[in-house]
Amino acid sequence: MILDIARLLLFPALMAFAAASDLFTMTISNRVSLVLAAGFLVLALMSGMAPYDILIHVGAGAAVLVVGFGCFAMGWMGGGDAKVAAAAALWFGFAHLLDYLVYASLFGGALTLLLLQFRQWPLPYQLAGQPWLIKLHAKESGIPYGIALAIGALMVYPETEWINAVDLARFAIG
């Protein structure tokens, strides 16, 4: 039961926290990525995932980390975004990686277009006192891509072996 609750809540909660953190502070703490990685390892071991399968998931995470840091070096994304994307890829492995990257890219494009449009308008007076909103509205600010990464991850997560392994009958009421 505890394992099922962890499968249902840990990853989605951490991804939602990463998105909120990026929205309000334009940063994602390294701790989020570290807890995602540690959570994967603990749940993989507790779930009885085969060592070979764990290595496949680690390979997916490493591949995204390398590409993410390339994007970071080019100034296309933040370092926190690269790390959280890699940590999410760790959970998906190669089986769901393409779906995740497509969703994250689509939501990232939409988020970028929305923010660029939002930044063209003046902030309403009632909202002008919110420091996080002022920073988000500033044209020189980046895009909090962690939001798109989280939404993409939450779109894919229900299709993964993590959720398929949950015994939902235990949670049925009645």
N, C-alpha and C. Protein backbone atom coordinates (compact mmCIF):
# COMPACT_ATOMS: atom_id res chain seq x y z
N MET A 1 0.82 -1.19 0.00
CA MET A 1 0.00 0.00 0.00
C MET A 1 0.87 1.26 0.00
N ILE A 2 1.90 1.29 0.84
CA ILE A 2 2.81 2.44 0.89
C ILE A 2 3.52 2.61 -0.45
N LEU A 3 3.92 1.50 -1.03
CA LEU A 3 4.60 1.54 -2.33
C LEU A 3 3.67 2.11 -3.39
N ASP A 4 2.40 1.71 -3.37
CA ASP A 4 1.44 2.24 -4.33
C ASP A 4 1.22 3.74 -4.14
N ILE A 5 1.14 4.17 -2.90
CA ILE A 5 0.96 5.60 -2.63
C ILE A 5 2.18 6.38 -3.13
N ALA A 6 3.36 5.83 -2.90
CA ALA A 6 4.58 6.49 -3.38
C ALA A 6 4.58 6.57 -4.90
N ARG A 7 4.16 5.49 -5.57
CA ARG A 7 4.09 5.50 -7.04
C ARG A 7 3.10 6.55 -7.54
N LEU A 8 2.01 6.69 -6.83
CA LEU A 8 0.97 7.63 -7.25
C LEU A 8 1.33 9.09 -6.99
N LEU A 9 2.07 9.35 -5.91
CA LEU A 9 2.24 10.73 -5.47
C LEU A 9 3.64 11.32 -5.63
N LEU A 10 4.68 10.55 -5.45
CA LEU A 10 6.03 11.11 -5.38
C LEU A 10 6.41 11.88 -6.64
N PHE A 11 6.40 11.21 -7.76
CA PHE A 11 6.80 11.86 -9.02
C PHE A 11 5.90 13.04 -9.37
N PRO A 12 4.57 12.87 -9.37
CA PRO A 12 3.72 14.02 -9.71
C PRO A 12 3.90 15.21 -8.76
N ALA A 13 4.05 14.94 -7.47
CA ALA A 13 4.21 16.03 -6.51
C ALA A 13 5.52 16.78 -6.74
N LEU A 14 6.58 16.05 -7.00
CA LEU A 14 7.87 16.71 -7.25
C LEU A 14 7.87 17.50 -8.55
N MET A 15 7.22 16.98 -9.57
CA MET A 15 7.15 17.71 -10.84
C MET A 15 6.29 18.97 -10.68
N ALA A 16 5.20 18.87 -9.94
CA ALA A 16 4.36 20.04 -9.69
C ALA A 16 5.14 21.08 -8.88
N PHE A 17 5.93 20.62 -7.91
CA PHE A 17 6.75 21.54 -7.13
C PHE A 17 7.79 22.23 -8.02
N ALA A 18 8.40 21.48 -8.92
CA ALA A 18 9.39 22.06 -9.84
C ALA A 18 8.74 23.14 -10.71
N ALA A 19 7.53 22.87 -11.20
CA ALA A 19 6.83 23.85 -12.03
C ALA A 19 6.51 25.11 -11.23
N ALA A 20 5.98 24.93 -10.03
CA ALA A 20 5.63 26.08 -9.19
C ALA A 20 6.87 26.89 -8.83
N SER A 21 7.94 26.19 -8.50
CA SER A 21 9.18 26.86 -8.15
C SER A 21 9.70 27.69 -9.33
N ASP A 22 9.65 27.11 -10.52
CA ASP A 22 10.13 27.82 -11.70
C ASP A 22 9.23 29.03 -12.00
N LEU A 23 7.94 28.88 -11.82
CA LEU A 23 7.02 29.98 -12.07
C LEU A 23 7.29 31.14 -11.11
N PHE A 24 7.42 30.84 -9.82
CA PHE A 24 7.52 31.90 -8.82
C PHE A 24 8.92 32.44 -8.60
N THR A 25 9.95 31.64 -8.89
CA THR A 25 11.32 32.10 -8.62
C THR A 25 12.23 32.07 -9.84
N MET A 26 11.76 31.47 -10.92
CA MET A 26 12.56 31.28 -12.15
C MET A 26 13.79 30.42 -11.89
N THR A 27 13.72 29.57 -10.88
CA THR A 27 14.77 28.60 -10.59
C THR A 27 14.14 27.29 -10.14
N ILE A 28 14.87 26.21 -10.34
CA ILE A 28 14.49 24.91 -9.81
C ILE A 28 15.67 24.41 -8.99
N SER A 29 15.43 24.19 -7.74
CA SER A 29 16.49 23.75 -6.83
C SER A 29 17.07 22.40 -7.27
N ASN A 30 18.37 22.25 -7.07
CA ASN A 30 19.01 20.96 -7.34
C ASN A 30 18.40 19.86 -6.49
N ARG A 31 17.88 20.23 -5.34
CA ARG A 31 17.28 19.23 -4.44
C ARG A 31 16.11 18.51 -5.11
N VAL A 32 15.35 19.23 -5.92
CA VAL A 32 14.21 18.60 -6.60
C VAL A 32 14.71 17.48 -7.52
N SER A 33 15.73 17.77 -8.30
CA SER A 33 16.28 16.77 -9.21
C SER A 33 16.90 15.61 -8.44
N LEU A 34 17.58 15.93 -7.34
CA LEU A 34 18.19 14.87 -6.52
C LEU A 34 17.13 13.97 -5.88
N VAL A 35 16.06 14.57 -5.39
CA VAL A 35 14.99 13.77 -4.78
C VAL A 35 14.28 12.94 -5.85
N LEU A 36 14.09 13.50 -7.04
CA LEU A 36 13.52 12.71 -8.14
C LEU A 36 14.39 11.51 -8.46
N ALA A 37 15.70 11.73 -8.55
CA ALA A 37 16.62 10.63 -8.87
C ALA A 37 16.65 9.60 -7.74
N ALA A 38 16.74 10.06 -6.52
CA ALA A 38 16.77 9.13 -5.38
C ALA A 38 15.44 8.38 -5.27
N GLY A 39 14.34 9.09 -5.48
CA GLY A 39 13.02 8.46 -5.43
C GLY A 39 12.88 7.38 -6.48
N PHE A 40 13.40 7.65 -7.68
CA PHE A 40 13.38 6.62 -8.72
C PHE A 40 14.13 5.38 -8.26
N LEU A 41 15.33 5.59 -7.77
CA LEU A 41 16.17 4.46 -7.37
C LEU A 41 15.51 3.65 -6.25
N VAL A 42 14.99 4.32 -5.25
CA VAL A 42 14.34 3.63 -4.13
C VAL A 42 13.12 2.86 -4.62
N LEU A 43 12.26 3.51 -5.41
CA LEU A 43 11.07 2.81 -5.89
C LEU A 43 11.41 1.69 -6.86
N ALA A 44 12.44 1.89 -7.68
CA ALA A 44 12.84 0.83 -8.60
C ALA A 44 13.30 -0.40 -7.82
N LEU A 45 14.10 -0.19 -6.79
CA LEU A 45 14.58 -1.31 -5.98
C LEU A 45 13.43 -1.95 -5.19
N MET A 46 12.58 -1.13 -4.60
CA MET A 46 11.46 -1.67 -3.82
C MET A 46 10.44 -2.40 -4.71
N SER A 47 10.35 -1.98 -5.96
CA SER A 47 9.41 -2.60 -6.90
C SER A 47 9.97 -3.85 -7.53
N GLY A 48 11.25 -4.12 -7.31
CA GLY A 48 11.87 -5.30 -7.89
C GLY A 48 12.27 -5.12 -9.34
N MET A 49 12.53 -3.89 -9.76
CA MET A 49 12.97 -3.65 -11.13
C MET A 49 14.32 -4.33 -11.35
N ALA A 50 14.46 -4.99 -12.46
CA ALA A 50 15.69 -5.70 -12.77
C ALA A 50 16.85 -4.71 -12.96
N PRO A 51 18.05 -5.12 -12.57
CA PRO A 51 19.21 -4.23 -12.73
C PRO A 51 19.39 -3.73 -14.16
N TYR A 52 19.16 -4.59 -15.14
CA TYR A 52 19.27 -4.17 -16.54
C TYR A 52 18.28 -3.05 -16.85
N ASP A 53 17.05 -3.18 -16.35
CA ASP A 53 16.04 -2.15 -16.59
C ASP A 53 16.40 -0.84 -15.90
N ILE A 54 16.96 -0.95 -14.71
CA ILE A 54 17.42 0.26 -14.02
C ILE A 54 18.49 0.96 -14.86
N LEU A 55 19.41 0.18 -15.41
CA LEU A 55 20.47 0.77 -16.26
C LEU A 55 19.89 1.43 -17.51
N ILE A 56 18.84 0.85 -18.07
CA ILE A 56 18.19 1.45 -19.25
C ILE A 56 17.60 2.81 -18.86
N HIS A 57 16.96 2.87 -17.71
CA HIS A 57 16.40 4.14 -17.24
C HIS A 57 17.51 5.15 -16.96
N VAL A 58 18.59 4.69 -16.35
CA VAL A 58 19.73 5.58 -16.10
C VAL A 58 20.29 6.09 -17.43
N GLY A 59 20.34 5.23 -18.43
CA GLY A 59 20.81 5.65 -19.76
C GLY A 59 19.93 6.74 -20.35
N ALA A 60 18.63 6.60 -20.19
CA ALA A 60 17.71 7.64 -20.70
C ALA A 60 17.95 8.95 -19.98
N GLY A 61 18.09 8.89 -18.66
CA GLY A 61 18.35 10.10 -17.89
C GLY A 61 19.67 10.74 -18.28
N ALA A 62 20.70 9.91 -18.48
CA ALA A 62 22.02 10.43 -18.85
C ALA A 62 21.98 11.08 -20.24
N ALA A 63 21.26 10.47 -21.16
CA ALA A 63 21.16 11.03 -22.51
C ALA A 63 20.49 12.40 -22.47
N VAL A 64 19.42 12.52 -21.71
CA VAL A 64 18.73 13.81 -21.61
C VAL A 64 19.61 14.83 -20.87
N LEU A 65 20.37 14.38 -19.89
CA LEU A 65 21.27 15.29 -19.18
C LEU A 65 22.33 15.86 -20.13
N VAL A 66 22.90 15.02 -20.96
CA VAL A 66 23.92 15.48 -21.91
C VAL A 66 23.32 16.49 -22.89
N VAL A 67 22.18 16.16 -23.47
CA VAL A 67 21.53 17.08 -24.41
C VAL A 67 21.09 18.34 -23.68
N GLY A 68 20.55 18.19 -22.48
CA GLY A 68 20.11 19.35 -21.71
C GLY A 68 21.24 20.30 -21.38
N PHE A 69 22.40 19.75 -21.02
CA PHE A 69 23.52 20.64 -20.74
C PHE A 69 24.08 21.27 -21.99
N GLY A 70 23.93 20.59 -23.12
CA GLY A 70 24.27 21.23 -24.39
C GLY A 70 23.36 22.43 -24.65
N CYS A 71 22.08 22.25 -24.40
CA CYS A 71 21.12 23.36 -24.55
C CYS A 71 21.41 24.47 -23.54
N PHE A 72 21.80 24.10 -22.33
CA PHE A 72 22.17 25.08 -21.32
C PHE A 72 23.40 25.86 -21.77
N ALA A 73 24.40 25.18 -22.31
CA ALA A 73 25.63 25.83 -22.77
C ALA A 73 25.34 26.82 -23.90
N MET A 74 24.34 26.51 -24.71
CA MET A 74 23.97 27.39 -25.81
C MET A 74 23.05 28.53 -25.35
N GLY A 75 22.62 28.49 -24.08
CA GLY A 75 21.73 29.51 -23.56
C GLY A 75 20.28 29.31 -23.90
N TRP A 76 19.93 28.09 -24.30
CA TRP A 76 18.55 27.81 -24.72
C TRP A 76 17.65 27.39 -23.56
N MET A 77 18.24 26.93 -22.48
CA MET A 77 17.45 26.54 -21.31
C MET A 77 18.30 26.68 -20.07
N GLY A 78 17.64 26.74 -18.93
CA GLY A 78 18.34 26.88 -17.67
C GLY A 78 18.92 25.56 -17.19
N GLY A 79 19.88 25.65 -16.32
CA GLY A 79 20.50 24.45 -15.77
C GLY A 79 19.54 23.61 -14.94
N GLY A 80 18.67 24.27 -14.18
CA GLY A 80 17.67 23.55 -13.39
C GLY A 80 16.70 22.80 -14.29
N ASP A 81 16.35 23.41 -15.41
CA ASP A 81 15.47 22.75 -16.38
C ASP A 81 16.14 21.51 -16.95
N ALA A 82 17.41 21.62 -17.28
CA ALA A 82 18.14 20.48 -17.84
C ALA A 82 18.20 19.33 -16.83
N LYS A 83 18.45 19.68 -15.57
CA LYS A 83 18.55 18.62 -14.55
C LYS A 83 17.21 17.98 -14.24
N VAL A 84 16.15 18.77 -14.17
CA VAL A 84 14.84 18.18 -13.87
C VAL A 84 14.34 17.37 -15.07
N ALA A 85 14.65 17.79 -16.29
CA ALA A 85 14.28 17.00 -17.47
C ALA A 85 14.98 15.65 -17.44
N ALA A 86 16.25 15.65 -17.07
CA ALA A 86 17.00 14.39 -16.97
C ALA A 86 16.45 13.50 -15.87
N ALA A 87 16.10 14.10 -14.75
CA ALA A 87 15.54 13.32 -13.64
C ALA A 87 14.19 12.71 -14.03
N ALA A 88 13.39 13.47 -14.78
CA ALA A 88 12.11 12.93 -15.25
C ALA A 88 12.36 11.80 -16.25
N ALA A 89 13.33 11.97 -17.12
CA ALA A 89 13.66 10.93 -18.10
C ALA A 89 14.09 9.64 -17.41
N LEU A 90 14.73 9.79 -16.27
CA LEU A 90 15.11 8.63 -15.47
C LEU A 90 13.89 7.79 -15.12
N TRP A 91 12.80 8.43 -14.77
CA TRP A 91 11.57 7.72 -14.43
C TRP A 91 10.92 7.08 -15.65
N PHE A 92 11.08 7.70 -16.83
CA PHE A 92 10.40 7.20 -18.03
C PHE A 92 11.19 6.15 -18.78
N GLY A 93 12.50 6.18 -18.66
CA GLY A 93 13.30 5.27 -19.48
C GLY A 93 13.10 5.61 -20.95
N PHE A 94 13.62 4.77 -21.82
CA PHE A 94 13.46 5.03 -23.24
C PHE A 94 12.06 4.69 -23.74
N ALA A 95 11.31 3.88 -22.98
CA ALA A 95 9.98 3.45 -23.42
C ALA A 95 9.02 4.63 -23.58
N HIS A 96 9.13 5.63 -22.71
CA HIS A 96 8.22 6.77 -22.75
C HIS A 96 8.94 8.09 -22.98
N LEU A 97 10.23 8.02 -23.27
CA LEU A 97 11.02 9.24 -23.40
C LEU A 97 10.56 10.11 -24.56
N LEU A 98 10.32 9.53 -25.71
CA LEU A 98 9.91 10.33 -26.86
C LEU A 98 8.59 11.03 -26.59
N ASP A 99 7.63 10.32 -26.00
CA ASP A 99 6.35 10.95 -25.66
C ASP A 99 6.58 12.14 -24.74
N TYR A 100 7.41 11.94 -23.73
CA TYR A 100 7.70 13.02 -22.78
C TYR A 100 8.32 14.22 -23.49
N LEU A 101 9.31 13.98 -24.31
CA LEU A 101 9.99 15.09 -24.98
C LEU A 101 9.07 15.82 -25.95
N VAL A 102 8.20 15.09 -26.63
CA VAL A 102 7.25 15.74 -27.54
C VAL A 102 6.27 16.60 -26.77
N TYR A 103 5.68 16.05 -25.71
CA TYR A 103 4.76 16.84 -24.89
C TYR A 103 5.45 18.06 -24.30
N ALA A 104 6.63 17.87 -23.73
CA ALA A 104 7.34 19.00 -23.13
C ALA A 104 7.66 20.06 -24.17
N SER A 105 8.02 19.64 -25.37
CA SER A 105 8.32 20.60 -26.45
C SER A 105 7.07 21.37 -26.87
N LEU A 106 5.96 20.66 -27.03
CA LEU A 106 4.72 21.32 -27.43
C LEU A 106 4.24 22.30 -26.37
N PHE A 107 4.24 21.86 -25.11
CA PHE A 107 3.83 22.76 -24.04
C PHE A 107 4.84 23.90 -23.86
N GLY A 108 6.11 23.62 -24.08
CA GLY A 108 7.12 24.66 -23.98
C GLY A 108 6.95 25.71 -25.06
N GLY A 109 6.64 25.28 -26.27
CA GLY A 109 6.38 26.23 -27.36
C GLY A 109 5.17 27.10 -27.06
N ALA A 110 4.10 26.46 -26.58
CA ALA A 110 2.89 27.21 -26.25
C ALA A 110 3.16 28.19 -25.10
N LEU A 111 3.89 27.74 -24.08
CA LEU A 111 4.23 28.61 -22.96
C LEU A 111 5.06 29.80 -23.42
N THR A 112 6.02 29.54 -24.28
CA THR A 112 6.86 30.62 -24.80
C THR A 112 6.04 31.65 -25.55
N LEU A 113 5.17 31.18 -26.43
CA LEU A 113 4.34 32.12 -27.19
C LEU A 113 3.41 32.92 -26.28
N LEU A 114 2.82 32.26 -25.29
CA LEU A 114 1.95 32.95 -24.34
C LEU A 114 2.71 34.00 -23.54
N LEU A 115 3.91 33.63 -23.07
CA LEU A 115 4.69 34.60 -22.29
C LEU A 115 5.17 35.77 -23.14
N LEU A 116 5.55 35.50 -24.37
CA LEU A 116 5.97 36.60 -25.25
C LEU A 116 4.82 37.57 -25.49
N GLN A 117 3.62 37.02 -25.65
CA GLN A 117 2.45 37.88 -25.82
C GLN A 117 2.13 38.63 -24.52
N PHE A 118 2.17 37.93 -23.41
CA PHE A 118 1.90 38.51 -22.09
C PHE A 118 2.86 39.67 -21.82
N ARG A 119 4.08 39.54 -22.25
CA ARG A 119 5.09 40.57 -21.99
C ARG A 119 4.91 41.81 -22.87
N GLN A 120 4.07 41.71 -23.87
CA GLN A 120 3.79 42.87 -24.72
C GLN A 120 2.78 43.81 -24.09
N TRP A 121 1.98 43.30 -23.15
CA TRP A 121 0.95 44.09 -22.50
C TRP A 121 1.46 44.64 -21.19
N PRO A 122 0.98 45.81 -20.79
CA PRO A 122 1.36 46.30 -19.46
C PRO A 122 0.67 45.46 -18.37
N LEU A 123 1.35 45.32 -17.26
CA LEU A 123 0.75 44.61 -16.13
C LEU A 123 -0.40 45.44 -15.56
N PRO A 124 -1.51 44.82 -15.27
CA PRO A 124 -2.60 45.58 -14.60
C PRO A 124 -2.11 46.10 -13.25
N TYR A 125 -2.59 47.25 -12.90
CA TYR A 125 -2.16 47.92 -11.67
C TYR A 125 -2.30 47.01 -10.45
N GLN A 126 -3.38 46.24 -10.39
CA GLN A 126 -3.63 45.38 -9.23
C GLN A 126 -2.56 44.29 -9.08
N LEU A 127 -1.92 43.93 -10.16
CA LEU A 127 -0.91 42.86 -10.13
C LEU A 127 0.52 43.38 -10.10
N ALA A 128 0.69 44.68 -10.29
CA ALA A 128 2.03 45.25 -10.42
C ALA A 128 2.86 45.15 -9.15
N GLY A 129 2.26 44.84 -8.01
CA GLY A 129 3.01 44.72 -6.76
C GLY A 129 3.51 43.32 -6.47
N GLN A 130 3.28 42.38 -7.34
CA GLN A 130 3.70 41.00 -7.14
C GLN A 130 5.10 40.80 -7.72
N PRO A 131 6.14 40.64 -6.89
CA PRO A 131 7.51 40.53 -7.40
C PRO A 131 7.70 39.38 -8.40
N TRP A 132 7.09 38.23 -8.14
CA TRP A 132 7.26 37.10 -9.04
C TRP A 132 6.63 37.40 -10.40
N LEU A 133 5.52 38.12 -10.41
CA LEU A 133 4.85 38.44 -11.66
C LEU A 133 5.60 39.51 -12.43
N ILE A 134 6.20 40.44 -11.70
CA ILE A 134 7.03 41.46 -12.34
C ILE A 134 8.22 40.80 -13.04
N LYS A 135 8.84 39.84 -12.35
CA LYS A 135 9.98 39.13 -12.94
C LYS A 135 9.54 38.30 -14.15
N LEU A 136 8.40 37.64 -14.04
CA LEU A 136 7.87 36.84 -15.15
C LEU A 136 7.53 37.73 -16.34
N HIS A 137 7.06 38.93 -16.06
CA HIS A 137 6.64 39.87 -17.11
C HIS A 137 7.82 40.56 -17.79
N ALA A 138 8.95 40.62 -17.13
CA ALA A 138 10.10 41.33 -17.67
C ALA A 138 10.58 40.69 -18.98
N LYS A 139 10.77 41.52 -19.98
CA LYS A 139 11.15 41.01 -21.31
C LYS A 139 12.53 40.35 -21.30
N GLU A 140 13.39 40.76 -20.38
CA GLU A 140 14.72 40.16 -20.32
C GLU A 140 14.75 38.84 -19.55
N SER A 141 13.64 38.49 -18.92
CA SER A 141 13.58 37.21 -18.19
C SER A 141 13.47 36.05 -19.17
N GLY A 142 13.91 34.92 -18.71
CA GLY A 142 13.80 33.72 -19.52
C GLY A 142 12.39 33.14 -19.45
N ILE A 143 12.26 31.95 -19.95
CA ILE A 143 11.00 31.22 -19.93
C ILE A 143 11.09 30.17 -18.83
N PRO A 144 10.14 30.13 -17.92
CA PRO A 144 10.17 29.09 -16.87
C PRO A 144 9.76 27.74 -17.46
N TYR A 145 10.71 27.14 -18.18
CA TYR A 145 10.44 25.92 -18.95
C TYR A 145 10.11 24.73 -18.06
N GLY A 146 10.42 24.84 -16.76
CA GLY A 146 10.07 23.78 -15.83
C GLY A 146 8.57 23.51 -15.82
N ILE A 147 7.78 24.53 -16.13
CA ILE A 147 6.33 24.35 -16.21
C ILE A 147 5.99 23.38 -17.33
N ALA A 148 6.57 23.59 -18.49
CA ALA A 148 6.30 22.71 -19.63
C ALA A 148 6.84 21.31 -19.39
N LEU A 149 8.00 21.23 -18.75
CA LEU A 149 8.57 19.92 -18.43
C LEU A 149 7.65 19.15 -17.49
N ALA A 150 7.09 19.86 -16.51
CA ALA A 150 6.20 19.21 -15.55
C ALA A 150 4.89 18.78 -16.21
N ILE A 151 4.30 19.65 -17.02
CA ILE A 151 3.04 19.29 -17.68
C ILE A 151 3.26 18.10 -18.61
N GLY A 152 4.35 18.13 -19.37
CA GLY A 152 4.66 17.00 -20.25
C GLY A 152 4.83 15.71 -19.46
N ALA A 153 5.53 15.81 -18.34
CA ALA A 153 5.74 14.62 -17.51
C ALA A 153 4.43 14.10 -16.93
N LEU A 154 3.57 15.01 -16.51
CA LEU A 154 2.30 14.59 -15.93
C LEU A 154 1.34 14.03 -16.98
N MET A 155 1.54 14.39 -18.22
CA MET A 155 0.74 13.80 -19.31
C MET A 155 1.16 12.36 -19.58
N VAL A 156 2.45 12.09 -19.46
CA VAL A 156 2.98 10.77 -19.80
C VAL A 156 2.92 9.80 -18.62
N TYR A 157 3.11 10.30 -17.42
CA TYR A 157 3.24 9.44 -16.23
C TYR A 157 2.11 8.42 -16.07
N PRO A 158 0.86 8.76 -16.32
CA PRO A 158 -0.21 7.75 -16.15
C PRO A 158 -0.07 6.54 -17.07
N GLU A 159 0.71 6.66 -18.13
CA GLU A 159 0.90 5.55 -19.07
C GLU A 159 2.08 4.66 -18.73
N THR A 160 2.81 4.98 -17.69
CA THR A 160 4.04 4.27 -17.37
C THR A 160 3.79 3.03 -16.53
N GLU A 161 4.85 2.22 -16.42
CA GLU A 161 4.78 1.02 -15.58
C GLU A 161 4.60 1.36 -14.10
N TRP A 162 4.95 2.58 -13.72
CA TRP A 162 4.79 2.99 -12.32
C TRP A 162 3.31 3.00 -11.94
N ILE A 163 2.49 3.54 -12.80
CA ILE A 163 1.05 3.59 -12.53
C ILE A 163 0.40 2.26 -12.84
N ASN A 164 0.85 1.58 -13.88
CA ASN A 164 0.29 0.27 -14.22
C ASN A 164 0.50 -0.74 -13.10
N ALA A 165 1.54 -0.55 -12.29
CA ALA A 165 1.83 -1.48 -11.20
C ALA A 165 0.98 -1.22 -9.95
N VAL A 166 0.30 -0.09 -9.92
CA VAL A 166 -0.52 0.25 -8.75
C VAL A 166 -1.79 -0.59 -8.74
N ASP A 167 -2.07 -1.15 -7.59
CA ASP A 167 -3.30 -1.93 -7.41
C ASP A 167 -4.41 -0.95 -7.02
N LEU A 168 -5.09 -0.42 -8.03
CA LEU A 168 -6.11 0.60 -7.78
C LEU A 168 -7.31 0.04 -7.02
N ALA A 169 -7.50 -1.27 -7.04
CA ALA A 169 -8.62 -1.86 -6.31
C ALA A 169 -8.49 -1.62 -4.81
N ARG A 170 -7.27 -1.49 -4.32
CA ARG A 170 -7.05 -1.19 -2.90
C ARG A 170 -7.61 0.16 -2.50
N PHE A 171 -7.66 1.06 -3.48
CA PHE A 171 -8.09 2.41 -3.19
C PHE A 171 -9.57 2.63 -3.44
N ALA A 172 -10.26 1.59 -3.92
CA ALA A 172 -11.69 1.72 -4.21
C ALA A 172 -12.48 1.88 -2.92
N ILE A 173 -13.43 2.75 -2.99
CA ILE A 173 -14.29 2.99 -1.82
C ILE A 173 -15.57 2.17 -1.99
N GLY A 174 -15.95 1.50 -0.94
CA GLY A 174 -17.23 0.78 -1.00
C GLY A 174 -17.10 -0.63 -0.82
